[in-house]
Amino acid sequence: MAKKIDCSVKQLHLLSFLKLCLLMLLVISTSYQLYNMAHTKQLIEKIDDDYRRLYTTIRRFGPFYNNSQSVTMHNGVHNFGDISVVVREDETPVKNLSDGLDMLNNKLEQCAPESVWSIVVLEVPSRYGVFYPLRPGYLESFSTYIPSERVNAMVERERLSNTYREFYGCITRMTEAYIESETQERIRTIYFPIHNDQALNAIIAVDIKESRTQDIINQYNADHHTVLNINGPNNIYSESGELPCANDGPYQAGFHYLDILRTTFGPSILLAALFHLAFHSFRRRDRSIKRDEMTGLFRRDYYEPKFNRMNSFAMLVMDIDHFKQINDEYGHQKGDEVIKTCARILATQIRAEDIAVRWGGEEFVVMFKGIQHSALFDKAEQIRQAIASKEILGLSVTVSIGGYIAKNTTFSEAYKAADAALYQSKHRGRNKVTLA
């Protein structure tokens, strides 16, 4: 029977823990959804700011280009470290841009780490080009340029001819993502045209990896502990954004519920476990303060102060007969088991509002509410017979009981009267009930 009770208690604890886990998952996942919703707009602003910072960095190259000195170069490829100048005609004046491109590349790497694929400066018309770096296939492609037609087509396609008139608009342009035919790298190209006297002198083309946007999202998620994505399928929440100065249409920033669950599942279980342990630890501590560890009945030091504040009593004092003999013959361990069994039987014979206290050793005090003299005697007899009728651990165990009912008195006086009645039960041969 005890094993069945223990198993049922464990099942109840497991069920309560599972319910707590579900509650925690619901609360934390809902809170985390709200947190991600609040950050969605901020992510869109972050993407916009990062690309605009790239554009600003590229535009700062314009004054350097305009104020650079030119040197005469012959047809061919001229290398200056990672920078290559491809000249198409002899005696071509070429601007010395190496230092400026080094600085531009360093600044771009700070803005977009490991995202810059290449930087190209094309003179208009394209008699020479400066490449940082000159990747495989670039030389062949540049050699096929018709000096005016290819660049003019680029200017027309990207609407670069009159950007100097756009004071507050987009004087840079960014393409949609595409696969570069020469390298098969998926990139976007940012174009910045340099105008002088309303004429287009050069185009700066900065190729960045298409993964740059995802890098921004990944870093934002890492910094803010979010699970946001761009154009994710089946997102449960999204907001619209646009890449600045780009040819793309709007994108959708949001999050998927599975990402919310994956992120919150572990913390929910952990918090549920901590709450569960804390709750049961508190209950055990509370129980240890109120309850006797051996019997589960109330402790004397917990209830005696309450009894001392009372002035009306209906109480029994119960003592196990011949308990010293049981201890001497069978040992203290068996004696403890006898006490526990008697306490368990006692607890089954009283009402929920009645108070059973282990007063000390093998002695118990039971306080009743709203009970008359005859009913108190009947209850005492019921307890005595319940214990006497059962063989406890192979032993015939009995109890003696004394009772007392009174009003307008102290607990001390009531206890003395009940204890004296108990002594009378012992004197009358034990296994008796006596009311004072």
Protein backbone atom coordinates (compact mmCIF):
# COMPACT_ATOMS: atom_id res chain seq x y z
CA MET A 1 0.00 0.00 0.00
CA ALA A 2 2.82 2.38 0.91
CA LYS A 3 4.53 1.68 -2.41
CA LYS A 4 1.32 2.47 -4.30
CA ILE A 5 0.95 5.76 -2.39
CA ASP A 6 4.60 6.63 -3.09
CA CYS A 7 4.13 5.84 -6.80
CA SER A 8 0.99 7.99 -6.95
CA VAL A 9 2.80 10.88 -5.26
CA LYS A 10 5.63 10.64 -7.78
CA GLN A 11 3.14 10.63 -10.66
CA LEU A 12 1.45 13.71 -9.24
CA HIS A 13 4.82 15.45 -8.91
CA LEU A 14 5.68 14.56 -12.51
CA LEU A 15 2.29 15.78 -13.74
CA SER A 16 2.63 19.06 -11.84
CA PHE A 17 6.14 19.51 -13.25
CA LEU A 18 4.93 18.91 -16.82
CA LYS A 19 2.12 21.42 -16.31
CA LEU A 20 4.64 23.92 -14.96
CA CYS A 21 6.89 23.31 -18.00
CA LEU A 22 3.99 24.00 -20.38
CA LEU A 23 3.04 27.12 -18.46
CA MET A 24 6.63 28.36 -18.50
CA LEU A 25 6.95 27.61 -22.22
CA LEU A 26 3.74 29.53 -22.92
CA VAL A 27 4.77 32.54 -20.83
CA ILE A 28 8.38 32.69 -22.00
CA SER A 29 7.65 32.00 -25.68
CA THR A 30 4.92 34.66 -25.70
CA SER A 31 7.23 37.15 -24.01
CA TYR A 32 10.00 36.26 -26.45
CA GLN A 33 7.65 36.78 -29.40
CA LEU A 34 6.83 40.26 -28.10
CA TYR A 35 10.54 40.92 -27.63
CA ASN A 36 11.29 39.91 -31.24
CA MET A 37 8.37 41.97 -32.51
CA ALA A 38 9.81 45.02 -30.76
CA HIS A 39 13.20 44.38 -32.40
CA THR A 40 11.93 43.79 -35.94
CA LYS A 41 11.70 47.49 -36.74
CA GLN A 42 15.09 48.07 -35.15
CA LEU A 43 16.64 45.38 -37.37
CA ILE A 44 15.23 47.10 -40.46
CA GLU A 45 16.75 50.38 -39.26
CA LYS A 46 20.05 48.61 -38.55
CA ILE A 47 20.22 47.19 -42.10
CA ASP A 48 19.40 50.61 -43.55
CA ASP A 49 22.05 52.32 -41.40
CA ASP A 50 24.74 49.79 -42.29
CA TYR A 51 24.23 50.14 -46.03
CA ARG A 52 24.07 53.93 -45.82
CA ARG A 53 27.36 53.89 -43.92
CA LEU A 54 28.84 51.88 -46.80
CA TYR A 55 27.54 54.44 -49.29
CA THR A 56 28.94 57.35 -47.26
CA THR A 57 32.36 55.67 -47.08
CA ILE A 58 32.39 55.10 -50.86
CA ARG A 59 31.34 58.68 -51.62
CA ARG A 60 34.28 60.03 -49.63
CA PHE A 61 36.55 58.60 -52.30
CA GLY A 62 35.25 61.21 -54.78
CA PRO A 63 37.35 64.17 -53.52
CA PHE A 64 40.45 61.94 -53.45
CA TYR A 65 39.85 60.95 -57.08
CA ASN A 66 39.31 64.54 -58.21
CA ASN A 67 42.50 65.75 -56.55
CA SER A 68 44.81 62.88 -57.52
CA GLN A 69 47.73 63.50 -59.87
CA SER A 70 47.93 61.65 -63.17
CA VAL A 71 50.89 59.75 -64.58
CA THR A 72 51.35 58.52 -68.14
CA MET A 73 51.23 54.76 -68.61
CA HIS A 74 51.58 52.39 -71.54
CA ASN A 75 49.19 49.69 -72.66
CA GLY A 76 49.21 46.67 -70.34
CA VAL A 77 48.71 45.59 -66.71
CA HIS A 78 50.58 47.51 -64.01
CA ASN A 79 50.58 45.99 -60.51
CA PHE A 80 50.98 47.95 -57.26
CA GLY A 81 50.58 45.38 -54.49
CA ASP A 82 46.96 44.18 -54.52
CA ILE A 83 46.00 46.96 -56.93
CA SER A 84 46.18 46.42 -60.68
CA VAL A 85 45.88 49.16 -63.31
CA VAL A 86 44.77 47.89 -66.71
CA VAL A 87 45.62 50.38 -69.47
CA ARG A 88 44.12 49.91 -72.96
CA GLU A 89 46.17 52.49 -74.92
CA ASP A 90 49.75 53.80 -74.84
CA GLU A 91 50.44 57.25 -73.45
CA THR A 92 47.30 57.19 -71.33
CA PRO A 93 47.14 59.62 -68.37
CA VAL A 94 46.19 57.50 -65.33
CA LYS A 95 45.27 58.85 -61.89
CA ASN A 96 47.42 57.61 -59.02
CA LEU A 97 44.71 56.09 -56.81
CA SER A 98 46.64 53.41 -54.89
CA ASP A 99 46.77 55.16 -51.50
CA GLY A 100 43.14 56.20 -51.73
CA LEU A 101 41.96 52.70 -52.64
CA ASP A 102 43.94 51.24 -49.74
CA MET A 103 42.23 53.65 -47.35
CA LEU A 104 38.82 53.01 -48.92
CA ASN A 105 39.26 49.24 -48.65
CA ASN A 106 40.29 49.52 -44.98
CA LYS A 107 37.26 51.67 -44.16
CA LEU A 108 34.93 49.34 -46.01
CA GLU A 109 36.35 46.35 -44.14
CA GLN A 110 35.54 48.15 -40.90
CA CYS A 111 31.96 48.77 -42.06
CA ALA A 112 31.44 45.34 -43.61
CA PRO A 113 34.04 42.81 -42.40
CA GLU A 114 34.91 40.09 -44.95
CA SER A 115 32.14 41.31 -47.26
CA VAL A 116 34.05 43.43 -49.80
CA TRP A 117 34.65 41.37 -52.94
CA SER A 118 36.34 43.92 -55.17
CA ILE A 119 36.71 47.65 -55.87
CA VAL A 120 36.94 48.90 -59.44
CA VAL A 121 37.46 52.45 -60.74
CA LEU A 122 36.51 52.86 -64.39
CA GLU A 123 37.40 56.00 -66.28
CA VAL A 124 34.73 57.35 -68.62
CA PRO A 125 35.35 56.58 -71.43
CA SER A 126 37.04 53.36 -70.28
CA ARG A 127 40.61 53.79 -71.48
CA TYR A 128 41.87 52.33 -68.20
CA GLY A 129 40.53 50.63 -65.11
CA VAL A 130 41.87 50.26 -61.58
CA PHE A 131 41.08 46.91 -59.92
CA TYR A 132 41.41 46.02 -56.25
CA PRO A 133 42.06 43.11 -56.73
CA LEU A 134 42.22 41.97 -60.36
CA ARG A 135 40.29 38.72 -60.04
CA PRO A 136 40.40 35.92 -62.65
CA GLY A 137 38.34 36.84 -65.71
CA TYR A 138 38.32 40.59 -65.02
CA LEU A 139 41.15 41.31 -67.47
CA GLU A 140 39.47 39.42 -70.27
CA SER A 141 36.14 41.12 -69.65
CA PHE A 142 37.70 44.58 -69.52
CA SER A 143 39.62 43.95 -72.73
CA THR A 144 36.33 43.35 -74.56
CA TYR A 145 34.85 46.68 -73.48
CA ILE A 146 34.11 49.08 -76.26
CA PRO A 147 35.36 52.27 -74.60
CA SER A 148 32.05 54.11 -74.68
CA GLU A 149 29.30 51.60 -75.36
CA ARG A 150 29.80 49.28 -72.35
CA VAL A 151 30.09 52.11 -69.84
CA ASN A 152 27.21 54.04 -71.43
CA ALA A 153 25.02 50.96 -71.10
CA MET A 154 25.96 50.69 -67.40
CA VAL A 155 25.23 54.38 -66.86
CA GLU A 156 21.86 54.07 -68.54
CA ARG A 157 20.91 50.85 -66.74
CA GLU A 158 21.79 52.13 -63.27
CA ARG A 159 20.59 55.74 -63.90
CA LEU A 160 23.98 57.26 -63.04
CA SER A 161 24.12 60.15 -65.50
CA ASN A 162 22.52 62.91 -63.40
CA THR A 163 23.04 61.84 -59.79
CA TYR A 164 24.91 65.08 -59.05
CA ARG A 165 21.51 66.79 -59.08
CA GLU A 166 20.19 64.63 -56.23
CA PHE A 167 21.14 66.66 -53.16
CA TYR A 168 19.28 64.49 -50.68
CA GLY A 169 18.48 61.46 -52.82
CA CYS A 170 20.50 58.42 -53.73
CA ILE A 171 23.67 59.51 -55.49
CA THR A 172 24.84 55.91 -55.20
CA ARG A 173 23.06 52.90 -56.69
CA MET A 174 23.07 49.26 -55.61
CA THR A 175 22.12 46.41 -57.91
CA GLU A 176 20.06 43.37 -57.11
CA ALA A 177 22.00 40.27 -56.11
CA TYR A 178 23.50 38.42 -59.06
CA ILE A 179 26.14 35.79 -59.82
CA GLU A 180 29.31 37.31 -61.24
CA SER A 181 30.05 35.46 -64.48
CA GLU A 182 33.86 35.65 -64.11
CA THR A 183 34.06 34.24 -60.53
CA GLN A 184 30.60 32.70 -59.90
CA GLU A 185 30.45 34.71 -56.64
CA ARG A 186 27.01 35.95 -55.62
CA ILE A 187 27.38 39.69 -55.14
CA ARG A 188 25.78 43.12 -55.31
CA THR A 189 27.49 46.10 -56.92
CA ILE A 190 27.38 49.59 -55.44
CA TYR A 191 28.00 52.27 -58.09
CA PHE A 192 29.16 55.77 -57.28
CA PRO A 193 29.54 58.12 -60.29
CA ILE A 194 32.03 61.01 -60.10
CA HIS A 195 30.91 64.11 -61.98
CA ASN A 196 32.79 67.31 -62.78
CA ASP A 197 31.22 70.21 -64.65
CA GLN A 198 28.10 68.08 -65.14
CA ALA A 199 30.16 65.46 -66.98
CA LEU A 200 30.64 61.89 -65.81
CA ASN A 201 34.41 61.35 -65.31
CA ALA A 202 34.55 57.98 -63.57
CA ILE A 203 32.54 55.26 -61.90
CA ILE A 204 33.52 53.55 -58.66
CA ALA A 205 32.07 50.04 -58.50
CA VAL A 206 32.29 48.26 -55.14
CA ASP A 207 31.24 44.63 -55.20
CA ILE A 208 30.04 43.27 -51.86
CA LYS A 209 29.02 39.71 -51.10
CA GLU A 210 25.29 39.14 -51.19
CA SER A 211 25.64 37.48 -47.78
CA ARG A 212 26.28 40.93 -46.26
CA THR A 213 22.61 41.37 -45.36
CA GLN A 214 22.52 37.99 -43.64
CA ASP A 215 25.75 38.88 -41.80
CA ILE A 216 24.02 41.99 -40.43
CA ILE A 217 21.04 39.90 -39.33
CA ASN A 218 23.26 37.25 -37.71
CA GLN A 219 25.23 39.88 -35.80
CA TYR A 220 22.04 41.64 -34.70
CA ASN A 221 20.56 38.34 -33.47
CA ALA A 222 23.77 37.57 -31.59
CA ASP A 223 23.92 41.03 -30.00
CA HIS A 224 20.24 41.18 -29.02
CA HIS A 225 19.44 37.47 -28.54
CA THR A 226 16.73 37.54 -31.22
CA VAL A 227 15.76 35.04 -33.95
CA LEU A 228 14.87 37.44 -36.76
CA ASN A 229 15.18 36.64 -40.45
CA ILE A 230 14.57 38.18 -43.87
CA ASN A 231 11.89 36.77 -46.18
CA GLY A 232 11.60 33.60 -44.10
CA PRO A 233 8.88 31.18 -45.23
CA ASN A 234 5.86 30.86 -42.92
CA ASN A 235 6.90 33.68 -40.60
CA ILE A 236 4.18 34.37 -38.01
CA TYR A 237 5.11 38.06 -37.85
CA SER A 238 6.85 40.37 -40.30
CA GLU A 239 7.40 44.03 -41.16
CA SER A 240 8.34 45.49 -44.52
CA GLY A 241 11.68 47.16 -45.25
CA GLU A 242 13.75 48.23 -48.26
CA LEU A 243 17.47 48.30 -48.91
CA PRO A 244 18.41 51.95 -49.45
CA CYS A 245 19.23 53.06 -53.00
CA ALA A 246 18.74 49.50 -54.27
CA ASN A 247 16.85 48.12 -57.23
CA ASP A 248 15.22 45.41 -55.11
CA GLY A 249 11.63 45.54 -54.04
CA PRO A 250 10.68 45.49 -50.37
CA TYR A 251 11.76 42.63 -48.10
CA GLN A 252 9.99 41.18 -45.07
CA ALA A 253 11.76 41.05 -41.70
CA GLY A 254 10.19 38.79 -39.09
CA PHE A 255 10.44 35.47 -37.27
CA HIS A 256 9.18 31.90 -37.41
CA TYR A 257 7.41 30.28 -34.44
CA LEU A 258 9.67 27.20 -34.55
CA ASP A 259 12.68 29.48 -33.96
CA ILE A 260 10.84 30.96 -30.97
CA LEU A 261 10.16 27.47 -29.57
CA ARG A 262 13.71 26.23 -30.19
CA THR A 263 15.14 29.22 -28.34
CA THR A 264 12.72 29.21 -25.41
CA PHE A 265 12.31 25.46 -24.86
CA GLY A 266 15.54 24.94 -22.92
CA PRO A 267 15.19 28.03 -20.67
CA SER A 268 11.52 27.15 -20.05
CA ILE A 269 12.42 23.64 -18.84
CA LEU A 270 15.29 25.02 -16.75
CA LEU A 271 13.13 27.70 -15.12
CA ALA A 272 10.34 25.20 -14.55
CA ALA A 273 12.81 22.86 -12.87
CA LEU A 274 14.16 25.68 -10.70
CA PHE A 275 10.66 26.81 -9.71
CA HIS A 276 9.64 23.21 -9.06
CA LEU A 277 12.68 22.58 -6.87
CA ALA A 278 12.26 25.90 -5.07
CA PHE A 279 8.57 25.26 -4.45
CA HIS A 280 9.13 21.77 -3.08
CA SER A 281 12.13 22.95 -1.10
CA PHE A 282 9.94 25.64 0.45
CA ARG A 283 7.21 23.10 1.11
CA ARG A 284 9.70 20.73 2.73
CA ARG A 285 11.11 23.54 4.82
CA ASP A 286 7.62 24.69 5.75
CA ARG A 287 6.65 21.12 6.54
CA SER A 288 9.79 20.56 8.61
CA ILE A 289 8.90 23.65 10.66
CA LYS A 290 5.31 22.53 11.19
CA ARG A 291 5.45 18.75 11.01
CA ASP A 292 7.26 16.07 12.92
CA GLU A 293 9.65 14.32 10.52
CA MET A 294 8.95 10.82 11.81
CA THR A 295 5.16 10.83 12.08
CA GLY A 296 4.02 13.67 9.81
CA LEU A 297 1.90 15.04 12.68
CA PHE A 298 2.29 18.61 13.87
CA ARG A 299 5.30 19.48 16.00
CA ARG A 300 4.85 20.46 19.65
CA ASP A 301 7.05 23.58 19.33
CA TYR A 302 4.92 24.76 16.40
CA TYR A 303 1.47 24.26 17.96
CA GLU A 304 2.05 24.77 21.69
CA PRO A 305 2.23 28.60 21.34
CA LYS A 306 -1.11 28.47 19.48
CA PHE A 307 -2.64 26.34 22.22
CA ASN A 308 -1.40 28.81 24.84
CA ARG A 309 -3.44 31.56 23.20
CA MET A 310 -6.66 29.51 23.40
CA ASN A 311 -9.17 29.52 26.28
CA SER A 312 -11.57 26.78 25.18
CA PHE A 313 -10.51 23.13 24.81
CA ALA A 314 -11.75 19.72 23.74
CA MET A 315 -8.63 17.59 23.82
CA LEU A 316 -7.20 14.11 24.16
CA VAL A 317 -3.78 13.05 25.40
CA MET A 318 -2.74 9.62 24.09
CA ASP A 319 0.21 7.46 25.11
CA ILE A 320 1.41 4.10 23.70
CA ASP A 321 1.25 1.40 26.38
CA HIS A 322 4.42 -0.47 27.43
CA PHE A 323 6.48 1.48 24.88
CA LYS A 324 9.71 1.27 26.91
CA GLN A 325 9.37 -2.50 26.93
CA ILE A 326 8.97 -2.50 23.11
CA ASN A 327 12.14 -0.44 22.77
CA ASP A 328 14.08 -2.64 25.18
CA GLU A 329 13.00 -5.94 23.60
CA TYR A 330 12.90 -5.07 19.89
CA GLY A 331 15.14 -2.04 19.56
CA HIS A 332 14.61 1.65 18.91
CA GLN A 333 14.16 1.18 15.17
CA LYS A 334 11.11 -1.03 15.68
CA GLY A 335 9.92 1.34 18.39
CA ASP A 336 10.05 4.20 15.89
CA GLU A 337 8.04 2.15 13.41
CA VAL A 338 5.40 1.53 16.07
CA ILE A 339 5.16 5.29 16.74
CA LYS A 340 4.82 6.02 13.00
CA THR A 341 2.11 3.37 12.54
CA CYS A 342 0.11 4.57 15.55
CA ALA A 343 0.38 8.16 14.27
CA ARG A 344 -0.81 7.07 10.83
CA ILE A 345 -3.84 5.28 12.34
CA LEU A 346 -4.58 8.28 14.53
CA ALA A 347 -4.55 10.60 11.50
CA THR A 348 -7.14 8.42 9.73
CA GLN A 349 -9.57 8.63 12.67
CA ILE A 350 -9.85 12.43 13.00
CA ARG A 351 -11.35 15.17 10.85
CA ALA A 352 -9.37 17.56 8.66
CA GLU A 353 -10.06 20.46 11.04
CA ASP A 354 -8.83 18.52 14.09
CA ILE A 355 -5.22 18.98 15.19
CA ALA A 356 -2.98 16.00 16.02
CA VAL A 357 0.39 16.81 17.61
CA ARG A 358 3.28 14.55 18.51
CA TRP A 359 3.87 15.89 21.98
CA GLY A 360 7.01 13.95 22.71
CA GLY A 361 8.31 10.38 22.43
CA GLU A 362 5.25 8.11 22.30
CA GLU A 363 2.77 10.76 23.54
CA PHE A 364 0.24 12.59 21.33
CA VAL A 365 -2.17 15.48 21.85
CA VAL A 366 -5.32 15.83 19.75
CA MET A 367 -7.35 19.07 19.78
CA PHE A 368 -10.94 19.00 18.47
CA LYS A 369 -13.28 21.76 17.34
CA GLY A 370 -16.99 21.94 18.07
CA ILE A 371 -17.29 18.62 19.91
CA GLN A 372 -19.30 17.71 23.02
CA HIS A 373 -18.33 15.54 26.00
CA SER A 374 -20.01 12.34 24.80
CA ALA A 375 -18.71 12.79 21.25
CA LEU A 376 -15.19 13.30 22.61
CA PHE A 377 -15.43 10.02 24.51
CA ASP A 378 -16.73 8.21 21.42
CA LYS A 379 -13.90 9.63 19.31
CA ALA A 380 -11.32 8.53 21.88
CA GLU A 381 -12.81 5.03 21.92
CA GLN A 382 -12.74 4.95 18.12
CA ILE A 383 -9.02 5.80 18.11
CA ARG A 384 -8.23 3.28 20.86
CA GLN A 385 -10.07 0.47 19.11
CA ALA A 386 -8.54 1.30 15.71
CA ILE A 387 -5.04 0.84 17.14
CA ALA A 388 -5.84 -2.15 19.35
CA SER A 389 -7.60 -4.03 16.57
CA LYS A 390 -4.57 -4.10 14.30
CA GLU A 391 -1.38 -6.07 14.71
CA ILE A 392 1.47 -3.57 14.28
CA LEU A 393 4.73 -5.09 12.98
CA GLY A 394 3.78 -8.42 14.52
CA LEU A 395 3.05 -6.81 17.90
CA SER A 396 -0.15 -6.25 19.83
CA VAL A 397 -0.03 -2.52 20.55
CA THR A 398 -2.51 -0.56 22.67
CA VAL A 399 -2.86 3.04 23.79
CA SER A 400 -4.22 4.78 26.87
CA ILE A 401 -6.15 8.01 26.43
CA GLY A 402 -7.17 10.86 28.70
CA GLY A 403 -9.56 13.65 27.68
CA TYR A 404 -10.81 17.02 28.88
CA ILE A 405 -13.38 19.61 27.78
CA ALA A 406 -13.50 23.08 29.32
CA LYS A 407 -14.02 26.78 28.57
CA ASN A 408 -12.48 29.89 30.06
CA THR A 409 -9.30 28.18 31.15
CA THR A 410 -5.68 27.99 30.08
CA PHE A 411 -3.99 25.33 28.05
CA SER A 412 -1.73 24.52 30.95
CA GLU A 413 -4.72 23.72 33.17
CA ALA A 414 -6.48 21.80 30.41
CA TYR A 415 -3.38 19.73 29.67
CA LYS A 416 -2.90 18.89 33.36
CA ALA A 417 -6.50 17.69 33.59
CA ALA A 418 -6.23 15.56 30.40
CA ASP A 419 -2.86 14.17 31.53
CA ALA A 420 -4.35 13.23 34.90
CA ALA A 421 -7.17 11.43 33.07
CA LEU A 422 -4.54 9.60 31.01
CA TYR A 423 -2.84 8.52 34.24
CA GLN A 424 -6.18 7.12 35.40
CA SER A 425 -6.44 5.07 32.19
CA LYS A 426 -2.97 3.67 32.84
CA HIS A 427 -3.86 2.97 36.48
CA ARG A 428 -7.03 1.14 35.41
CA GLY A 429 -4.99 -1.38 33.41
CA ARG A 430 -4.11 0.53 30.20
CA ASN A 431 -5.89 0.33 26.81
CA LYS A 432 -8.59 2.54 28.37
CA VAL A 433 -10.23 5.95 27.82
CA THR A 434 -10.86 8.34 30.70
CA LEU A 435 -12.37 11.83 30.52
CA ALA A 436 -11.77 14.28 33.33
